C-alpha atoms as a PDB file:
ATOM      1  CA  MET A   1      16.281 -54.617   8.375  1.00  0.00           C
ATOM      2  CA  ILE A   2      17.058 -52.013  11.077  1.00  0.00           C
ATOM      3  CA  LEU A   3      20.142 -53.789  12.341  1.00  0.00           C
ATOM      4  CA  PRO A   4      22.586 -56.037  10.507  1.00  0.00           C
ATOM      5  CA  THR A   5      22.238 -59.855  10.779  1.00  0.00           C
ATOM      6  CA  THR A   6      24.091 -62.787   9.216  1.00  0.00           C
ATOM      7  CA  LEU A   7      21.919 -62.247   6.062  1.00  0.00           C
ATOM      8  CA  ILE A   8      21.663 -58.425   6.010  1.00  0.00           C
ATOM      9  CA  GLU A   9      24.819 -56.471   5.620  1.00  0.00           C
ATOM     10  CA  GLU A  10      25.370 -53.232   7.583  1.00  0.00           C
ATOM     11  CA  GLU A  11      25.184 -51.146   4.416  1.00  0.00           C
ATOM     12  CA  ASP A  12      21.699 -52.427   3.845  1.00  0.00           C
ATOM     13  CA  THR A  13      20.191 -51.491   7.222  1.00  0.00           C
ATOM     14  CA  LEU A  14      17.950 -48.579   8.208  1.00  0.00           C
ATOM     15  CA  LEU A  15      20.434 -47.719  10.882  1.00  0.00           C
ATOM     16  CA  ARG A  16      23.130 -47.002   8.174  1.00  0.00           C
ATOM     17  CA  SER A  17      20.560 -45.009   6.044  1.00  0.00           C
ATOM     18  CA  GLY A  18      19.791 -42.832   9.073  1.00  0.00           C
ATOM     19  CA  THR A  19      23.564 -42.295   9.654  1.00  0.00           C
ATOM     20  CA  TYR A  20      23.945 -41.057   6.200  1.00  0.00           C
ATOM     21  CA  LEU A  21      20.960 -38.792   6.547  1.00  0.00           C
ATOM     22  CA  LEU A  22      22.344 -37.287   9.758  1.00  0.00           C
ATOM     23  CA  GLU A  23      25.753 -36.787   8.202  1.00  0.00           C
ATOM     24  CA  ILE A  24      24.228 -34.771   5.316  1.00  0.00           C
ATOM     25  CA  LEU A  25      21.720 -32.975   7.544  1.00  0.00           C
ATOM     26  CA  GLY A  26      24.291 -30.758   9.171  1.00  0.00           C
ATOM     27  CA  GLU A  27      21.969 -27.726   9.327  1.00  0.00           C
ATOM     28  CA  GLN A  28      18.292 -26.949   8.700  1.00  0.00           C
ATOM     29  CA  MET A  29      17.081 -27.957   5.284  1.00  0.00           C
ATOM     30  CA  ASP A  30      13.768 -29.062   3.647  1.00  0.00           C
ATOM     31  CA  ILE A  31      12.895 -32.600   2.819  1.00  0.00           C
ATOM     32  CA  THR A  32      13.300 -32.122  -0.944  1.00  0.00           C
ATOM     33  CA  SER A  33      16.776 -30.718  -0.589  1.00  0.00           C
ATOM     34  CA  LEU A  34      17.729 -33.583   1.669  1.00  0.00           C
ATOM     35  CA  TRP A  35      16.316 -36.155  -0.770  1.00  0.00           C
ATOM     36  CA  LYS A  36      18.179 -34.584  -3.775  1.00  0.00           C
ATOM     37  CA  LYS A  37      21.446 -34.911  -1.714  1.00  0.00           C
ATOM     38  CA  THR A  38      20.976 -38.449  -0.487  1.00  0.00           C
ATOM     39  CA  LYS A  39      19.157 -40.306  -3.353  1.00  0.00           C
ATOM     40  CA  GLU A  40      22.421 -41.213  -5.031  1.00  0.00           C
ATOM     41  CA  ILE A  41      23.765 -42.991  -1.815  1.00  0.00           C
ATOM     42  CA  GLN A  42      23.709 -46.860  -2.327  1.00  0.00           C
ATOM     43  CA  SER A  43      22.275 -47.509   1.149  1.00  0.00           C
ATOM     44  CA  ILE A  44      19.362 -45.074   0.492  1.00  0.00           C
ATOM     45  CA  GLU A  45      18.670 -44.820  -3.275  1.00  0.00           C
ATOM     46  CA  THR A  46      14.865 -45.258  -3.034  1.00  0.00           C
ATOM     47  CA  PHE A  47      12.351 -42.860  -1.496  1.00  0.00           C
ATOM     48  CA  ASP A  48      10.983 -45.685   0.733  1.00  0.00           C
ATOM     49  CA  ARG A  49      14.286 -46.277   2.370  1.00  0.00           C
ATOM     50  CA  PHE A  50      14.794 -42.415   2.659  1.00  0.00           C
ATOM     51  CA  THR A  51      11.434 -42.160   4.566  1.00  0.00           C
ATOM     52  CA  LEU A  52      12.049 -45.127   6.658  1.00  0.00           C
ATOM     53  CA  GLY A  53      15.408 -43.736   7.603  1.00  0.00           C
ATOM     54  CA  LEU A  54      13.879 -40.510   8.572  1.00  0.00           C
ATOM     55  CA  VAL A  55      11.170 -42.233  10.612  1.00  0.00           C
ATOM     56  CA  LEU A  56      13.834 -44.179  12.511  1.00  0.00           C
ATOM     57  CA  LEU A  57      15.699 -40.818  13.307  1.00  0.00           C
ATOM     58  CA  PHE A  58      12.365 -39.262  14.422  1.00  0.00           C
ATOM     59  CA  CYS A  59      11.730 -42.272  16.755  1.00  0.00           C
ATOM     60  CA  PHE A  60      15.179 -41.969  18.285  1.00  0.00           C
ATOM     61  CA  GLY A  61      14.684 -38.184  18.694  1.00  0.00           C
ATOM     62  CA  LEU A  62      17.614 -37.338  16.560  1.00  0.00           C
ATOM     63  CA  VAL A  63      15.953 -35.052  14.125  1.00  0.00           C
ATOM     64  CA  ASP A  64      13.242 -32.445  14.451  1.00  0.00           C
ATOM     65  CA  MET A  65      10.909 -30.787  11.975  1.00  0.00           C
ATOM     66  CA  GLU A  66       9.474 -27.359  12.230  1.00  0.00           C
ATOM     67  CA  GLU A  67       7.923 -25.150   9.528  1.00  0.00           C
ATOM     68  CA  ASN A  68       8.916 -27.631   6.747  1.00  0.00           C
ATOM     69  CA  LEU A  69      12.665 -27.488   7.768  1.00  0.00           C
ATOM     70  CA  MET A  70      14.432 -30.536   9.291  1.00  0.00           C
ATOM     71  CA  SER A  71      17.137 -29.963  11.878  1.00  0.00           C
ATOM     72  CA  PRO A  72      19.560 -32.492  13.184  1.00  0.00           C
ATOM     73  CA  PHE A  73      19.647 -33.835  16.818  1.00  0.00           C
ATOM     74  CA  GLY A  74      16.170 -32.505  17.677  1.00  0.00           C
ATOM     75  CA  ASP A  75      15.964 -30.134  20.654  1.00  0.00           C
ATOM     76  CA  LYS A  76      14.367 -29.949  24.151  1.00  0.00           C
ATOM     77  CA  LYS A  77      10.974 -29.545  22.475  1.00  0.00           C
ATOM     78  CA  SER A  78      11.213 -32.850  20.730  1.00  0.00           C
ATOM     79  CA  LEU A  79       8.947 -35.608  22.141  1.00  0.00           C
ATOM     80  CA  ALA A  80      11.963 -37.886  22.769  1.00  0.00           C
ATOM     81  CA  PHE A  81      13.109 -35.432  25.525  1.00  0.00           C
ATOM     82  CA  ARG A  82       9.745 -34.810  27.099  1.00  0.00           C
ATOM     83  CA  ARG A  83       8.347 -36.574  30.081  1.00  0.00           C
ATOM     84  CA  ARG A  84       5.266 -38.760  29.675  1.00  0.00           C
ATOM     85  CA  GLU A  85       3.023 -36.449  31.592  1.00  0.00           C
ATOM     86  CA  ASP A  86       3.938 -33.481  29.271  1.00  0.00           C
ATOM     87  CA  ILE A  87       3.245 -35.492  26.167  1.00  0.00           C
ATOM     88  CA  MET A  88      -0.130 -36.620  27.452  1.00  0.00           C
ATOM     89  CA  LYS A  89      -1.082 -32.913  27.889  1.00  0.00           C
ATOM     90  CA  LEU A  90      -0.332 -32.351  24.130  1.00  0.00           C
ATOM     91  CA  LEU A  91      -2.810 -35.046  23.121  1.00  0.00           C
END
């Protein structure tokens, strides 16, 4: 489901959903606005796939959220760019 296989086409993967989300998320916007812009895309079309695509992007450190605004590509404050020791201090 994350990557294509012989039974799952590329268009139906979460990686493709995340790609569409990144293309639309060119600047900061809230979740509601992002959902309104992406819900018509065949690869996304359900809120479940939308949220799973966002979770995948968060895991890869490609998006960041601060004060209810999403921004693409994260930043140096993102957990994906921190050292393990620094993350442990936050917990």
